[in-house]
Amino acid sequence: MREEYDFSAAKRNPYAKKLKKQITINIDSDTIDYFRRESDSTGIPYQTLINLYLTDCAKNKKKLHMTWG
């Protein structure tokens, strides 16, 4: 084994810009339960499903339409 290695010509990680950032967010229990049930039926972790849904909203520039009754 060498004492030193030269990484100057190493390729950079192409996914480095897409790394996830941990945040804290308040989500209703009913919403979490919905995504957990979806997780059970799809086999995809519920946090990943939430991320996929939010990513789809952002990519498609979905706008929230709400009415207060």
N, C-alpha and C. Protein backbone atom coordinates (compact mmCIF):
# COMPACT_ATOMS: atom_id res chain seq x y z
N MET A 1 0.84 -1.18 0.00
CA MET A 1 0.00 0.00 0.00
C MET A 1 0.89 1.24 0.00
N ARG A 2 0.51 2.21 -0.80
CA ARG A 2 1.29 3.45 -0.88
C ARG A 2 1.03 4.35 0.33
N GLU A 3 1.99 5.20 0.59
CA GLU A 3 1.80 6.17 1.67
C GLU A 3 0.91 7.31 1.22
N GLU A 4 0.98 7.65 -0.07
CA GLU A 4 0.17 8.74 -0.62
C GLU A 4 -0.40 8.34 -1.97
N TYR A 5 -1.54 8.88 -2.29
CA TYR A 5 -2.18 8.63 -3.58
C TYR A 5 -2.46 9.98 -4.24
N ASP A 6 -2.38 9.99 -5.57
CA ASP A 6 -2.64 11.21 -6.33
C ASP A 6 -4.05 11.14 -6.92
N PHE A 7 -4.95 11.96 -6.40
CA PHE A 7 -6.33 12.00 -6.88
C PHE A 7 -6.60 13.21 -7.77
N SER A 8 -5.56 13.90 -8.22
CA SER A 8 -5.75 15.12 -9.00
C SER A 8 -6.45 14.85 -10.34
N ALA A 9 -6.31 13.66 -10.89
CA ALA A 9 -6.95 13.34 -12.17
C ALA A 9 -8.24 12.53 -11.98
N ALA A 10 -8.68 12.40 -10.75
CA ALA A 10 -9.89 11.60 -10.47
C ALA A 10 -11.13 12.31 -11.00
N LYS A 11 -12.10 11.53 -11.42
CA LYS A 11 -13.37 12.09 -11.89
C LYS A 11 -14.21 12.48 -10.69
N ARG A 12 -14.97 13.56 -10.87
CA ARG A 12 -15.87 14.00 -9.80
C ARG A 12 -17.16 13.22 -9.85
N ASN A 13 -17.82 13.14 -8.74
CA ASN A 13 -19.09 12.45 -8.64
C ASN A 13 -20.14 13.22 -9.44
N PRO A 14 -20.72 12.61 -10.49
CA PRO A 14 -21.71 13.34 -11.30
C PRO A 14 -23.02 13.57 -10.55
N TYR A 15 -23.24 12.88 -9.45
CA TYR A 15 -24.47 13.03 -8.69
C TYR A 15 -24.32 13.97 -7.49
N ALA A 16 -23.16 14.56 -7.34
CA ALA A 16 -22.90 15.39 -6.18
C ALA A 16 -23.88 16.56 -6.07
N LYS A 17 -24.31 17.12 -7.20
CA LYS A 17 -25.24 18.25 -7.16
C LYS A 17 -26.65 17.79 -6.79
N LYS A 18 -26.94 16.50 -6.92
CA LYS A 18 -28.26 15.99 -6.63
C LYS A 18 -28.35 15.36 -5.24
N LEU A 19 -27.33 15.55 -4.42
CA LEU A 19 -27.38 14.98 -3.08
C LEU A 19 -28.55 15.59 -2.31
N LYS A 20 -29.14 14.79 -1.46
CA LYS A 20 -30.29 15.24 -0.69
C LYS A 20 -29.82 16.03 0.52
N LYS A 21 -30.68 16.95 0.94
CA LYS A 21 -30.39 17.76 2.11
C LYS A 21 -31.43 17.44 3.17
N GLN A 22 -30.97 17.15 4.36
CA GLN A 22 -31.89 16.82 5.45
C GLN A 22 -32.50 18.10 5.99
N ILE A 23 -33.84 18.08 6.13
CA ILE A 23 -34.57 19.22 6.69
C ILE A 23 -35.56 18.70 7.73
N THR A 24 -36.17 19.62 8.42
CA THR A 24 -37.26 19.29 9.33
C THR A 24 -38.52 19.92 8.76
N ILE A 25 -39.59 19.14 8.67
CA ILE A 25 -40.84 19.63 8.11
C ILE A 25 -42.00 19.05 8.92
N ASN A 26 -43.03 19.84 9.14
CA ASN A 26 -44.21 19.36 9.85
C ASN A 26 -45.23 18.88 8.84
N ILE A 27 -45.62 17.60 8.94
CA ILE A 27 -46.59 17.01 8.04
C ILE A 27 -47.69 16.38 8.88
N ASP A 28 -48.94 16.57 8.46
CA ASP A 28 -50.07 15.99 9.18
C ASP A 28 -49.95 14.48 9.26
N SER A 29 -50.45 13.93 10.36
CA SER A 29 -50.41 12.48 10.57
C SER A 29 -51.14 11.73 9.46
N ASP A 30 -52.28 12.27 9.00
CA ASP A 30 -53.04 11.61 7.94
C ASP A 30 -52.23 11.52 6.65
N THR A 31 -51.46 12.57 6.37
CA THR A 31 -50.63 12.57 5.17
C THR A 31 -49.51 11.55 5.28
N ILE A 32 -48.89 11.48 6.43
CA ILE A 32 -47.82 10.49 6.64
C ILE A 32 -48.40 9.08 6.53
N ASP A 33 -49.58 8.88 7.13
CA ASP A 33 -50.22 7.56 7.05
C ASP A 33 -50.50 7.18 5.60
N TYR A 34 -50.95 8.14 4.79
CA TYR A 34 -51.20 7.88 3.37
C TYR A 34 -49.94 7.38 2.68
N PHE A 35 -48.83 8.10 2.87
CA PHE A 35 -47.59 7.72 2.21
C PHE A 35 -47.03 6.41 2.78
N ARG A 36 -47.28 6.12 4.05
CA ARG A 36 -46.84 4.83 4.61
C ARG A 36 -47.63 3.68 4.01
N ARG A 37 -48.94 3.88 3.78
CA ARG A 37 -49.73 2.84 3.13
C ARG A 37 -49.25 2.63 1.69
N GLU A 38 -48.96 3.72 1.00
CA GLU A 38 -48.42 3.62 -0.36
C GLU A 38 -47.08 2.90 -0.34
N SER A 39 -46.30 3.15 0.69
CA SER A 39 -45.00 2.49 0.85
C SER A 39 -45.18 0.99 1.00
N ASP A 40 -46.17 0.60 1.80
CA ASP A 40 -46.43 -0.83 2.01
C ASP A 40 -46.82 -1.52 0.70
N SER A 41 -47.59 -0.82 -0.14
CA SER A 41 -48.06 -1.46 -1.38
C SER A 41 -47.02 -1.41 -2.49
N THR A 42 -46.12 -0.43 -2.46
CA THR A 42 -45.13 -0.31 -3.54
C THR A 42 -43.76 -0.88 -3.17
N GLY A 43 -43.49 -0.95 -1.86
CA GLY A 43 -42.16 -1.39 -1.42
C GLY A 43 -41.13 -0.28 -1.44
N ILE A 44 -41.57 0.95 -1.73
CA ILE A 44 -40.67 2.11 -1.74
C ILE A 44 -40.81 2.82 -0.39
N PRO A 45 -39.71 3.17 0.27
CA PRO A 45 -39.80 3.85 1.56
C PRO A 45 -40.66 5.13 1.46
N TYR A 46 -41.44 5.38 2.50
CA TYR A 46 -42.39 6.49 2.44
C TYR A 46 -41.71 7.85 2.27
N GLN A 47 -40.54 8.03 2.84
CA GLN A 47 -39.84 9.31 2.67
C GLN A 47 -39.41 9.49 1.22
N THR A 48 -39.04 8.40 0.57
CA THR A 48 -38.69 8.46 -0.85
C THR A 48 -39.91 8.80 -1.67
N LEU A 49 -41.07 8.23 -1.33
CA LEU A 49 -42.31 8.55 -2.05
C LEU A 49 -42.66 10.03 -1.91
N ILE A 50 -42.53 10.56 -0.71
CA ILE A 50 -42.80 11.99 -0.51
C ILE A 50 -41.85 12.82 -1.36
N ASN A 51 -40.57 12.46 -1.36
CA ASN A 51 -39.58 13.18 -2.17
C ASN A 51 -39.91 13.08 -3.65
N LEU A 52 -40.29 11.90 -4.12
CA LEU A 52 -40.65 11.73 -5.54
C LEU A 52 -41.85 12.60 -5.90
N TYR A 53 -42.85 12.66 -5.03
CA TYR A 53 -44.03 13.47 -5.30
C TYR A 53 -43.67 14.96 -5.35
N LEU A 54 -42.91 15.42 -4.38
CA LEU A 54 -42.51 16.83 -4.36
C LEU A 54 -41.62 17.19 -5.54
N THR A 55 -40.74 16.26 -5.93
CA THR A 55 -39.89 16.47 -7.10
C THR A 55 -40.74 16.61 -8.36
N ASP A 56 -41.76 15.76 -8.49
CA ASP A 56 -42.66 15.83 -9.64
C ASP A 56 -43.39 17.18 -9.67
N CYS A 57 -43.85 17.63 -8.51
CA CYS A 57 -44.52 18.93 -8.43
C CYS A 57 -43.59 20.06 -8.87
N ALA A 58 -42.35 20.01 -8.42
CA ALA A 58 -41.40 21.07 -8.76
C ALA A 58 -41.03 21.04 -10.25
N LYS A 59 -40.79 19.84 -10.79
CA LYS A 59 -40.42 19.73 -12.20
C LYS A 59 -41.54 20.18 -13.12
N ASN A 60 -42.77 19.89 -12.74
CA ASN A 60 -43.92 20.24 -13.57
C ASN A 60 -44.52 21.59 -13.19
N LYS A 61 -43.87 22.29 -12.28
CA LYS A 61 -44.28 23.62 -11.84
C LYS A 61 -45.77 23.65 -11.46
N LYS A 62 -46.18 22.64 -10.71
CA LYS A 62 -47.57 22.56 -10.26
C LYS A 62 -47.84 23.69 -9.29
N LYS A 63 -48.99 24.29 -9.42
CA LYS A 63 -49.41 25.36 -8.53
C LYS A 63 -50.47 24.82 -7.58
N LEU A 64 -50.44 25.26 -6.35
CA LEU A 64 -51.39 24.84 -5.35
C LEU A 64 -52.68 25.66 -5.52
N HIS A 65 -53.80 24.98 -5.62
CA HIS A 65 -55.10 25.65 -5.73
C HIS A 65 -55.89 25.29 -4.48
N MET A 66 -56.17 26.32 -3.67
CA MET A 66 -56.89 26.08 -2.43
C MET A 66 -58.07 27.04 -2.33
N THR A 67 -59.12 26.56 -1.72
CA THR A 67 -60.24 27.44 -1.36
C THR A 67 -60.50 27.28 0.12
N TRP A 68 -60.66 28.36 0.79
CA TRP A 68 -60.93 28.33 2.22
C TRP A 68 -62.43 28.46 2.40
N GLY A 69 -63.01 27.48 3.05
CA GLY A 69 -64.46 27.48 3.18
C GLY A 69 -64.88 27.76 4.51
